[in-house]
N, C-alpha and C. Protein backbone atom coordinates (compact mmCIF):
# COMPACT_ATOMS: atom_id res chain seq x y z
N MET A 1 7.24 17.35 -5.32
CA MET A 1 5.98 17.31 -6.03
C MET A 1 4.82 17.63 -4.91
N ALA A 2 4.01 18.49 -5.25
CA ALA A 2 2.93 18.85 -4.28
C ALA A 2 1.62 18.12 -4.63
N PHE A 3 1.08 17.64 -3.51
CA PHE A 3 -0.18 16.89 -3.74
C PHE A 3 -1.24 17.75 -3.16
N SER A 4 -2.41 17.82 -3.92
CA SER A 4 -3.57 18.48 -3.29
C SER A 4 -4.20 17.64 -2.33
N SER A 5 -5.15 18.22 -1.63
CA SER A 5 -5.85 17.43 -0.54
C SER A 5 -6.69 16.37 -1.29
N LEU A 6 -7.27 16.59 -2.31
CA LEU A 6 -7.95 15.62 -3.10
C LEU A 6 -7.14 14.43 -3.55
N ASP A 7 -5.86 14.66 -3.97
CA ASP A 7 -4.95 13.55 -4.34
C ASP A 7 -4.64 12.78 -3.15
N LEU A 8 -4.39 13.39 -2.00
CA LEU A 8 -4.00 12.71 -0.87
C LEU A 8 -5.21 11.93 -0.32
N SER A 9 -6.38 12.45 -0.27
CA SER A 9 -7.62 11.68 0.01
C SER A 9 -7.82 10.46 -0.87
N ARG A 10 -7.63 10.63 -2.14
CA ARG A 10 -7.88 9.50 -3.06
C ARG A 10 -6.76 8.48 -2.79
N SER A 11 -5.50 8.82 -2.64
CA SER A 11 -4.54 8.03 -2.41
C SER A 11 -4.77 7.15 -1.12
N THR A 12 -5.25 7.82 -0.12
CA THR A 12 -5.43 7.28 1.18
C THR A 12 -6.48 6.17 1.03
N ARG A 13 -7.53 6.38 0.30
CA ARG A 13 -8.66 5.46 0.01
C ARG A 13 -8.03 4.24 -0.67
N ILE A 14 -7.25 4.49 -1.71
CA ILE A 14 -6.81 3.42 -2.48
C ILE A 14 -5.87 2.54 -1.74
N PHE A 15 -4.87 3.14 -1.01
CA PHE A 15 -3.84 2.21 -0.22
C PHE A 15 -4.58 1.58 0.91
N HIS A 16 -5.65 2.25 1.53
CA HIS A 16 -6.36 1.54 2.59
C HIS A 16 -7.06 0.31 1.97
N ALA A 17 -7.69 0.45 0.94
CA ALA A 17 -8.34 -0.57 0.18
C ALA A 17 -7.31 -1.81 -0.06
N LEU A 18 -6.17 -1.48 -0.37
CA LEU A 18 -5.23 -2.46 -0.78
C LEU A 18 -4.39 -2.94 0.50
N SER A 19 -4.71 -2.49 1.63
CA SER A 19 -3.96 -2.87 2.73
C SER A 19 -4.36 -4.14 3.53
N ASP A 20 -5.42 -4.87 2.89
CA ASP A 20 -5.91 -6.01 3.60
C ASP A 20 -5.68 -7.18 2.63
N GLU A 21 -5.27 -8.32 3.30
CA GLU A 21 -4.96 -9.49 2.58
C GLU A 21 -6.13 -10.08 1.75
N THR A 22 -7.32 -10.02 2.21
CA THR A 22 -8.50 -10.55 1.47
C THR A 22 -8.71 -9.56 0.31
N ARG A 23 -8.65 -8.32 0.50
CA ARG A 23 -8.88 -7.42 -0.67
C ARG A 23 -7.75 -7.54 -1.72
N LEU A 24 -6.51 -7.68 -1.27
CA LEU A 24 -5.55 -7.99 -2.25
C LEU A 24 -5.81 -9.22 -3.13
N ALA A 25 -6.37 -10.25 -2.37
CA ALA A 25 -6.58 -11.57 -3.06
C ALA A 25 -7.83 -11.31 -3.96
N VAL A 26 -8.72 -10.57 -3.59
CA VAL A 26 -9.82 -10.21 -4.65
C VAL A 26 -9.36 -9.56 -5.81
N VAL A 27 -8.36 -8.55 -5.67
CA VAL A 27 -7.80 -7.87 -6.81
C VAL A 27 -7.03 -8.83 -7.79
N HIS A 28 -6.30 -9.64 -7.07
CA HIS A 28 -5.55 -10.71 -7.88
C HIS A 28 -6.43 -11.54 -8.65
N ILE A 29 -7.46 -12.13 -8.03
CA ILE A 29 -8.43 -13.01 -8.69
C ILE A 29 -8.99 -12.10 -9.91
N LEU A 30 -9.47 -10.97 -9.61
CA LEU A 30 -10.18 -10.15 -10.70
C LEU A 30 -9.13 -9.73 -11.71
N GLY A 31 -7.86 -9.91 -11.54
CA GLY A 31 -6.88 -9.56 -12.56
C GLY A 31 -7.01 -10.60 -13.71
N GLY A 32 -7.78 -11.78 -13.41
CA GLY A 32 -7.93 -12.64 -14.37
C GLY A 32 -9.29 -12.45 -15.26
N GLY A 33 -10.03 -11.38 -14.85
CA GLY A 33 -11.18 -11.11 -15.49
C GLY A 33 -12.48 -11.05 -14.54
N GLU A 34 -13.50 -10.74 -15.04
CA GLU A 34 -14.82 -10.52 -14.28
C GLU A 34 -15.11 -11.87 -13.58
N ARG A 35 -15.61 -11.67 -12.27
CA ARG A 35 -15.99 -12.83 -11.56
C ARG A 35 -17.22 -12.68 -10.78
N CYS A 36 -17.97 -13.61 -10.66
CA CYS A 36 -19.29 -13.63 -9.84
C CYS A 36 -18.84 -13.64 -8.34
N VAL A 37 -19.72 -13.08 -7.57
CA VAL A 37 -19.41 -13.03 -6.26
C VAL A 37 -19.41 -14.55 -5.53
N CYS A 38 -20.16 -15.35 -6.15
CA CYS A 38 -20.21 -16.76 -5.72
C CYS A 38 -18.81 -17.45 -6.00
N ASP A 39 -18.18 -17.12 -7.13
CA ASP A 39 -16.94 -17.61 -7.42
C ASP A 39 -15.84 -17.00 -6.40
N LEU A 40 -15.87 -15.79 -6.22
CA LEU A 40 -15.04 -15.16 -5.19
C LEU A 40 -15.08 -15.67 -3.87
N GLN A 41 -16.37 -15.98 -3.48
CA GLN A 41 -16.62 -16.54 -2.22
C GLN A 41 -15.88 -17.99 -2.01
N MET A 42 -16.14 -18.80 -2.99
CA MET A 42 -15.49 -20.10 -2.97
C MET A 42 -14.04 -20.11 -2.92
N ALA A 43 -13.43 -19.18 -3.91
CA ALA A 43 -12.04 -19.13 -4.07
C ALA A 43 -11.38 -18.70 -2.72
N LEU A 44 -12.03 -17.76 -2.02
CA LEU A 44 -11.41 -17.07 -0.80
C LEU A 44 -11.80 -17.81 0.48
N ASP A 45 -12.96 -18.67 0.36
CA ASP A 45 -13.46 -19.38 1.57
C ASP A 45 -13.77 -18.49 2.63
N VAL A 46 -14.58 -17.34 2.35
CA VAL A 46 -15.03 -16.36 3.37
C VAL A 46 -16.48 -16.21 3.29
N ALA A 47 -17.16 -15.82 4.28
CA ALA A 47 -18.62 -15.60 4.53
C ALA A 47 -18.96 -14.62 3.52
N GLN A 48 -20.20 -14.76 3.09
CA GLN A 48 -20.70 -13.67 2.07
C GLN A 48 -20.80 -12.34 2.65
N SER A 49 -21.15 -12.22 4.03
CA SER A 49 -21.23 -10.90 4.49
C SER A 49 -19.82 -10.23 4.62
N ARG A 50 -18.79 -10.97 4.83
CA ARG A 50 -17.47 -10.48 5.05
C ARG A 50 -16.99 -10.11 3.58
N LEU A 51 -17.16 -10.92 2.58
CA LEU A 51 -16.76 -10.58 1.28
C LEU A 51 -17.50 -9.31 0.78
N SER A 52 -18.80 -9.18 1.08
CA SER A 52 -19.54 -7.97 0.72
C SER A 52 -18.81 -6.73 1.30
N PHE A 53 -18.33 -6.84 2.51
CA PHE A 53 -17.68 -5.70 3.15
C PHE A 53 -16.52 -5.37 2.33
N HIS A 54 -15.58 -6.27 2.02
CA HIS A 54 -14.36 -6.09 1.30
C HIS A 54 -14.69 -5.55 -0.08
N LEU A 55 -15.61 -6.01 -0.76
CA LEU A 55 -16.03 -5.61 -1.99
C LEU A 55 -16.45 -4.09 -2.00
N LYS A 56 -17.18 -3.75 -0.95
CA LYS A 56 -17.73 -2.37 -0.68
C LYS A 56 -16.50 -1.50 -0.71
N VAL A 57 -15.53 -1.91 0.18
CA VAL A 57 -14.23 -1.17 0.34
C VAL A 57 -13.49 -0.82 -0.99
N LEU A 58 -13.35 -1.92 -1.77
CA LEU A 58 -12.77 -1.81 -3.11
C LEU A 58 -13.46 -0.93 -4.06
N LYS A 59 -14.79 -1.04 -3.99
CA LYS A 59 -15.69 -0.29 -4.87
C LYS A 59 -15.60 1.20 -4.51
N GLU A 60 -15.72 1.44 -3.23
CA GLU A 60 -15.71 2.82 -2.81
C GLU A 60 -14.28 3.56 -3.08
N ALA A 61 -13.22 2.83 -3.10
CA ALA A 61 -11.96 3.23 -3.52
C ALA A 61 -11.84 3.34 -5.05
N GLY A 62 -12.80 2.85 -5.95
CA GLY A 62 -12.80 3.06 -7.20
C GLY A 62 -11.95 2.00 -7.96
N LEU A 63 -11.62 0.96 -7.16
CA LEU A 63 -10.80 -0.12 -7.80
C LEU A 63 -11.50 -1.18 -8.50
N VAL A 64 -12.73 -1.47 -8.11
CA VAL A 64 -13.56 -2.49 -8.77
C VAL A 64 -14.95 -1.81 -9.14
N THR A 65 -15.65 -2.57 -10.01
CA THR A 65 -16.89 -2.12 -10.45
C THR A 65 -17.87 -3.40 -10.48
N ASP A 66 -19.19 -3.20 -10.27
CA ASP A 66 -20.03 -4.34 -10.33
C ASP A 66 -21.19 -4.24 -11.23
N ARG A 67 -21.73 -5.33 -11.70
CA ARG A 67 -23.01 -5.33 -12.42
C ARG A 67 -23.82 -6.43 -12.02
N LYS A 68 -25.11 -6.26 -12.15
CA LYS A 68 -26.10 -7.32 -11.68
C LYS A 68 -26.48 -8.10 -12.99
N ASP A 69 -26.70 -9.40 -12.78
CA ASP A 69 -27.22 -10.20 -13.74
C ASP A 69 -28.14 -11.26 -13.18
N GLY A 70 -29.48 -10.83 -13.19
CA GLY A 70 -30.38 -11.62 -12.28
C GLY A 70 -30.11 -11.51 -10.91
N ARG A 71 -29.94 -12.53 -10.13
CA ARG A 71 -29.63 -12.38 -8.72
C ARG A 71 -28.22 -12.50 -8.35
N TRP A 72 -27.40 -12.52 -9.43
CA TRP A 72 -25.87 -12.50 -9.15
C TRP A 72 -25.24 -11.15 -9.41
N SER A 73 -24.26 -10.80 -8.70
CA SER A 73 -23.42 -9.75 -8.90
C SER A 73 -22.11 -10.05 -9.42
N TYR A 74 -21.61 -9.33 -10.42
CA TYR A 74 -20.22 -9.70 -11.07
C TYR A 74 -19.37 -8.53 -10.86
N TYR A 75 -18.16 -8.78 -10.50
CA TYR A 75 -17.06 -7.78 -10.21
C TYR A 75 -15.99 -7.73 -11.23
N THR A 76 -15.43 -6.61 -11.49
CA THR A 76 -14.30 -6.50 -12.30
C THR A 76 -13.47 -5.35 -11.96
N ILE A 77 -12.13 -5.36 -12.19
CA ILE A 77 -11.25 -4.32 -11.83
C ILE A 77 -11.59 -3.15 -12.83
N VAL A 78 -11.46 -1.89 -12.27
CA VAL A 78 -11.54 -0.74 -13.04
C VAL A 78 -10.13 -0.39 -13.65
N PRO A 79 -10.06 -0.53 -14.97
CA PRO A 79 -8.67 -0.49 -15.59
C PRO A 79 -7.96 0.81 -15.31
N GLU A 80 -8.73 1.96 -15.24
CA GLU A 80 -8.11 3.25 -14.98
C GLU A 80 -7.46 3.29 -13.53
N SER A 81 -8.02 2.44 -12.69
CA SER A 81 -7.60 2.53 -11.22
C SER A 81 -6.15 2.02 -11.26
N LEU A 82 -5.81 0.95 -12.05
CA LEU A 82 -4.42 0.43 -12.03
C LEU A 82 -3.44 1.51 -12.66
N ALA A 83 -3.81 2.32 -13.50
CA ALA A 83 -2.97 3.41 -13.99
C ALA A 83 -2.81 4.39 -12.88
N THR A 84 -3.86 4.70 -12.08
CA THR A 84 -3.81 5.67 -11.02
C THR A 84 -2.72 5.16 -9.91
N ILE A 85 -2.82 3.86 -9.55
CA ILE A 85 -1.97 3.29 -8.52
C ILE A 85 -0.56 3.35 -9.08
N HIS A 86 -0.34 2.93 -10.33
CA HIS A 86 1.01 3.10 -11.04
C HIS A 86 1.48 4.57 -10.73
N ASP A 87 0.68 5.59 -11.20
CA ASP A 87 1.24 7.02 -11.09
C ASP A 87 1.49 7.41 -9.60
N LEU A 88 0.72 6.86 -8.74
CA LEU A 88 1.00 7.19 -7.38
C LEU A 88 2.34 6.69 -6.78
N VAL A 89 2.65 5.48 -7.29
CA VAL A 89 3.88 4.93 -6.79
C VAL A 89 5.07 5.39 -7.63
N VAL A 90 4.91 5.50 -8.78
CA VAL A 90 6.16 5.84 -9.69
C VAL A 90 6.54 7.26 -9.49
N GLU A 91 5.53 8.23 -9.47
CA GLU A 91 5.81 9.63 -9.49
C GLU A 91 6.47 10.07 -8.17
């Protein structure tokens, strides 16, 4: 199977995003549904600045999305990204 450079670039971003223990923990937590950043911070016991970095990596890879509600940000998994990961691994 031939990959285009676009496919390889996207695959690299996704697997890089998933190659960190904290980011994997975020994905695992978000598997239970949308979470506030404050909830993620408490669950993972990490500094807000560090968590923001990890969420940025996941968001740039297209794995999570966020929404603002007042002063809080809420994150959720992008369902299509799970299908993409599946396709990358299975095919």
